[in-house]
Amino acid sequence: MAHDSGGLAIGVKAVQDIFDRLDYSIRSLADVDSILTHFEERGSERTAEVTAASGFYAGEVLVRNHGFRWVAVNDFPELDIPEVLHFSIASPTSGGTYSIVNKAFKRVENGAEDDLACFGQFIVAQENASRA
């Protein structure tokens, strides 16, 4: 079940402080991927904070430029899933959700196969195709 949520600017601000050159474009997601590639302290609190903020930034790119909206989704309330992973973006066309914050954590864990830039481009292409 999805619920509208607000106040996500804190995560975006954390990324903005680290990456002053980010401009909320789809192209800027490649810069975020580049930073996430170089984490040496996987599993550290600092890595988790920056990874979550990167996921919020990626979602905000789609919110600002492509009409998505933030939602809180908890499909598995019986599991002890960190609250930060409940945030997703919802499609303006279908209402389907994308777990973009979780995708950032997968990017750190799995590397380039889970690039945020490719994921963002895929989502935009899928939305554009559904509007055609």
C-alpha atoms as a PDB file:
ATOM      1  CA  MET A   1       0.000   0.000   0.000  1.00  0.00           C
ATOM      2  CA  ALA A   2       1.380   3.423  -0.946  1.00  0.00           C
ATOM      3  CA  HIS A   3       1.024   6.682   0.977  1.00  0.00           C
ATOM      4  CA  ASP A   4       2.056  10.176  -0.093  1.00  0.00           C
ATOM      5  CA  SER A   5       5.038  11.457   1.861  1.00  0.00           C
ATOM      6  CA  GLY A   6       6.910  14.710   2.064  1.00  0.00           C
ATOM      7  CA  GLY A   7       9.999  16.151   3.654  1.00  0.00           C
ATOM      8  CA  LEU A   8      12.528  14.251   1.582  1.00  0.00           C
ATOM      9  CA  ALA A   9      14.673  17.327   0.982  1.00  0.00           C
ATOM     10  CA  ILE A  10      16.970  16.357   3.868  1.00  0.00           C
ATOM     11  CA  GLY A  11      18.383  13.410   1.923  1.00  0.00           C
ATOM     12  CA  VAL A  12      18.677  15.437  -1.256  1.00  0.00           C
ATOM     13  CA  LYS A  13      20.479  18.218   0.637  1.00  0.00           C
ATOM     14  CA  ALA A  14      23.040  15.742   1.984  1.00  0.00           C
ATOM     15  CA  VAL A  15      23.915  14.699  -1.560  1.00  0.00           C
ATOM     16  CA  GLN A  16      23.877  18.295  -2.785  1.00  0.00           C
ATOM     17  CA  ASP A  17      26.429  19.220  -0.106  1.00  0.00           C
ATOM     18  CA  ILE A  18      28.730  16.455  -1.347  1.00  0.00           C
ATOM     19  CA  PHE A  19      28.176  16.948  -5.074  1.00  0.00           C
ATOM     20  CA  ASP A  20      27.873  20.686  -5.655  1.00  0.00           C
ATOM     21  CA  ARG A  21      27.726  20.164  -9.422  1.00  0.00           C
ATOM     22  CA  LEU A  22      24.489  18.159  -9.430  1.00  0.00           C
ATOM     23  CA  ASP A  23      21.733  19.829 -11.437  1.00  0.00           C
ATOM     24  CA  TYR A  24      18.816  17.366 -11.095  1.00  0.00           C
ATOM     25  CA  SER A  25      19.169  16.179 -14.678  1.00  0.00           C
ATOM     26  CA  ILE A  26      19.112  12.544 -15.765  1.00  0.00           C
ATOM     27  CA  ARG A  27      22.733  13.085 -16.873  1.00  0.00           C
ATOM     28  CA  SER A  28      23.734  13.931 -13.294  1.00  0.00           C
ATOM     29  CA  LEU A  29      22.861  10.386 -12.196  1.00  0.00           C
ATOM     30  CA  ALA A  30      26.077   9.207 -13.896  1.00  0.00           C
ATOM     31  CA  ASP A  31      27.991  11.479 -11.474  1.00  0.00           C
ATOM     32  CA  VAL A  32      26.200   9.857  -8.549  1.00  0.00           C
ATOM     33  CA  ASP A  33      27.077   6.405  -9.914  1.00  0.00           C
ATOM     34  CA  SER A  34      30.706   7.482 -10.144  1.00  0.00           C
ATOM     35  CA  ILE A  35      30.774   8.474  -6.482  1.00  0.00           C
ATOM     36  CA  LEU A  36      29.034   5.282  -5.351  1.00  0.00           C
ATOM     37  CA  THR A  37      31.613   3.228  -7.256  1.00  0.00           C
ATOM     38  CA  HIS A  38      34.431   4.482  -5.054  1.00  0.00           C
ATOM     39  CA  PHE A  39      33.143   3.582  -1.599  1.00  0.00           C
ATOM     40  CA  GLU A  40      35.824   1.772   0.359  1.00  0.00           C
ATOM     41  CA  GLU A  41      33.846   1.443   3.584  1.00  0.00           C
ATOM     42  CA  ARG A  42      30.966  -0.706   2.397  1.00  0.00           C
ATOM     43  CA  GLY A  43      28.630  -1.364   5.285  1.00  0.00           C
ATOM     44  CA  SER A  44      29.722   1.716   7.217  1.00  0.00           C
ATOM     45  CA  GLU A  45      27.207   4.214   8.568  1.00  0.00           C
ATOM     46  CA  ARG A  46      28.694   6.963   6.366  1.00  0.00           C
ATOM     47  CA  THR A  47      28.346   4.800   3.261  1.00  0.00           C
ATOM     48  CA  ALA A  48      24.728   4.010   4.172  1.00  0.00           C
ATOM     49  CA  GLU A  49      23.930   7.708   4.684  1.00  0.00           C
ATOM     50  CA  VAL A  50      25.427   8.790   1.373  1.00  0.00           C
ATOM     51  CA  THR A  51      23.877   5.833  -0.457  1.00  0.00           C
ATOM     52  CA  ALA A  52      20.412   6.637   0.894  1.00  0.00           C
ATOM     53  CA  ALA A  53      20.854  10.323   0.062  1.00  0.00           C
ATOM     54  CA  SER A  54      21.954   9.323  -3.453  1.00  0.00           C
ATOM     55  CA  GLY A  55      18.775   7.296  -3.885  1.00  0.00           C
ATOM     56  CA  PHE A  56      16.678  10.240  -2.713  1.00  0.00           C
ATOM     57  CA  TYR A  57      18.531  12.508  -5.135  1.00  0.00           C
ATOM     58  CA  ALA A  58      17.889  10.071  -8.018  1.00  0.00           C
ATOM     59  CA  GLY A  59      14.208   9.976  -7.138  1.00  0.00           C
ATOM     60  CA  GLU A  60      14.054  13.740  -6.910  1.00  0.00           C
ATOM     61  CA  VAL A  61      15.487  13.976 -10.447  1.00  0.00           C
ATOM     62  CA  LEU A  62      12.441  12.060 -11.683  1.00  0.00           C
ATOM     63  CA  VAL A  63      10.025  13.978  -9.452  1.00  0.00           C
ATOM     64  CA  ARG A  64      11.252  17.379 -10.643  1.00  0.00           C
ATOM     65  CA  ASN A  65      11.641  16.585 -14.324  1.00  0.00           C
ATOM     66  CA  HIS A  66       9.174  13.836 -15.156  1.00  0.00           C
ATOM     67  CA  GLY A  67       6.141  14.207 -12.900  1.00  0.00           C
ATOM     68  CA  PHE A  68       6.787  11.330 -10.515  1.00  0.00           C
ATOM     69  CA  ARG A  69       5.780  11.655  -6.864  1.00  0.00           C
ATOM     70  CA  TRP A  70       7.206  10.279  -3.644  1.00  0.00           C
ATOM     71  CA  VAL A  71       5.321   7.516  -1.846  1.00  0.00           C
ATOM     72  CA  ALA A  72       6.030   5.361   1.180  1.00  0.00           C
ATOM     73  CA  VAL A  73       5.559   1.684   0.432  1.00  0.00           C
ATOM     74  CA  ASN A  74       5.821  -1.146   2.931  1.00  0.00           C
ATOM     75  CA  ASP A  75       4.827  -4.327   1.147  1.00  0.00           C
ATOM     76  CA  PHE A  76       6.316  -6.530   3.878  1.00  0.00           C
ATOM     77  CA  PRO A  77       5.358  -5.073   7.284  1.00  0.00           C
ATOM     78  CA  GLU A  78       6.275  -8.364   8.972  1.00  0.00           C
ATOM     79  CA  LEU A  79       9.930  -7.832   7.993  1.00  0.00           C
ATOM     80  CA  ASP A  80      12.231  -5.436   9.802  1.00  0.00           C
ATOM     81  CA  ILE A  81      13.112  -3.333   6.752  1.00  0.00           C
ATOM     82  CA  PRO A  82      14.835   0.002   7.450  1.00  0.00           C
ATOM     83  CA  GLU A  83      12.372   2.858   7.033  1.00  0.00           C
ATOM     84  CA  VAL A  84      14.547   4.585   4.441  1.00  0.00           C
ATOM     85  CA  LEU A  85      13.877   1.683   2.066  1.00  0.00           C
ATOM     86  CA  HIS A  86      10.114   2.288   2.236  1.00  0.00           C
ATOM     87  CA  PHE A  87      10.411   5.352  -0.014  1.00  0.00           C
ATOM     88  CA  SER A  88       9.719   4.907  -3.704  1.00  0.00           C
ATOM     89  CA  ILE A  89       8.666   7.043  -6.624  1.00  0.00           C
ATOM     90  CA  ALA A  90       5.303   6.570  -8.289  1.00  0.00           C
ATOM     91  CA  SER A  91       4.626   6.820 -11.993  1.00  0.00           C
ATOM     92  CA  PRO A  92       2.490   9.746 -13.121  1.00  0.00           C
ATOM     93  CA  THR A  93       1.000   7.511 -15.816  1.00  0.00           C
ATOM     94  CA  SER A  94       0.381   4.088 -14.311  1.00  0.00           C
ATOM     95  CA  GLY A  95       0.829   4.729 -10.597  1.00  0.00           C
ATOM     96  CA  GLY A  96       3.354   1.874 -10.481  1.00  0.00           C
ATOM     97  CA  THR A  97       6.230   2.337  -8.072  1.00  0.00           C
ATOM     98  CA  TYR A  98      10.005   2.159  -8.403  1.00  0.00           C
ATOM     99  CA  SER A  99      12.215   1.487  -5.369  1.00  0.00           C
ATOM    100  CA  ILE A 100      14.832   4.040  -6.295  1.00  0.00           C
ATOM    101  CA  VAL A 101      16.394   4.323  -2.819  1.00  0.00           C
ATOM    102  CA  ASN A 102      16.807   0.552  -2.687  1.00  0.00           C
ATOM    103  CA  LYS A 103      18.337   0.722  -6.178  1.00  0.00           C
ATOM    104  CA  ALA A 104      21.085   3.006  -4.823  1.00  0.00           C
ATOM    105  CA  PHE A 105      21.972   0.385  -2.212  1.00  0.00           C
ATOM    106  CA  LYS A 106      22.033  -2.275  -4.944  1.00  0.00           C
ATOM    107  CA  ARG A 107      24.371   0.007  -6.921  1.00  0.00           C
ATOM    108  CA  VAL A 108      26.880  -0.009  -4.056  1.00  0.00           C
ATOM    109  CA  GLU A 109      26.506  -3.742  -3.547  1.00  0.00           C
ATOM    110  CA  ASN A 110      26.506  -4.948  -7.173  1.00  0.00           C
ATOM    111  CA  GLY A 111      28.351  -2.236  -9.065  1.00  0.00           C
ATOM    112  CA  ALA A 112      27.661  -1.036 -12.593  1.00  0.00           C
ATOM    113  CA  GLU A 113      24.958  -3.618 -13.319  1.00  0.00           C
ATOM    114  CA  ASP A 114      22.703  -1.530 -11.058  1.00  0.00           C
ATOM    115  CA  ASP A 115      23.619   1.954 -12.317  1.00  0.00           C
ATOM    116  CA  LEU A 116      21.226   4.695 -11.245  1.00  0.00           C
ATOM    117  CA  ALA A 117      21.762   6.473 -14.579  1.00  0.00           C
ATOM    118  CA  CYS A 118      20.607   3.440 -16.580  1.00  0.00           C
ATOM    119  CA  PHE A 119      17.716   2.849 -14.197  1.00  0.00           C
ATOM    120  CA  GLY A 120      16.609   6.486 -14.521  1.00  0.00           C
ATOM    121  CA  GLN A 121      16.823   6.357 -18.312  1.00  0.00           C
ATOM    122  CA  PHE A 122      14.858   3.094 -18.359  1.00  0.00           C
ATOM    123  CA  ILE A 123      12.100   4.543 -16.178  1.00  0.00           C
ATOM    124  CA  VAL A 124      11.810   7.667 -18.351  1.00  0.00           C
ATOM    125  CA  ALA A 125      11.731   5.576 -21.554  1.00  0.00           C
ATOM    126  CA  GLN A 126       9.079   3.293 -20.085  1.00  0.00           C
ATOM    127  CA  GLU A 127       6.955   6.296 -19.063  1.00  0.00           C
ATOM    128  CA  ASN A 128       7.336   7.914 -22.478  1.00  0.00           C
ATOM    129  CA  ALA A 129       6.318   4.674 -24.214  1.00  0.00           C
ATOM    130  CA  SER A 130       3.223   4.311 -22.036  1.00  0.00           C
ATOM    131  CA  ARG A 131       2.121   7.854 -22.944  1.00  0.00           C
ATOM    132  CA  ALA A 132       2.479   7.229 -26.684  1.00  0.00           C
END
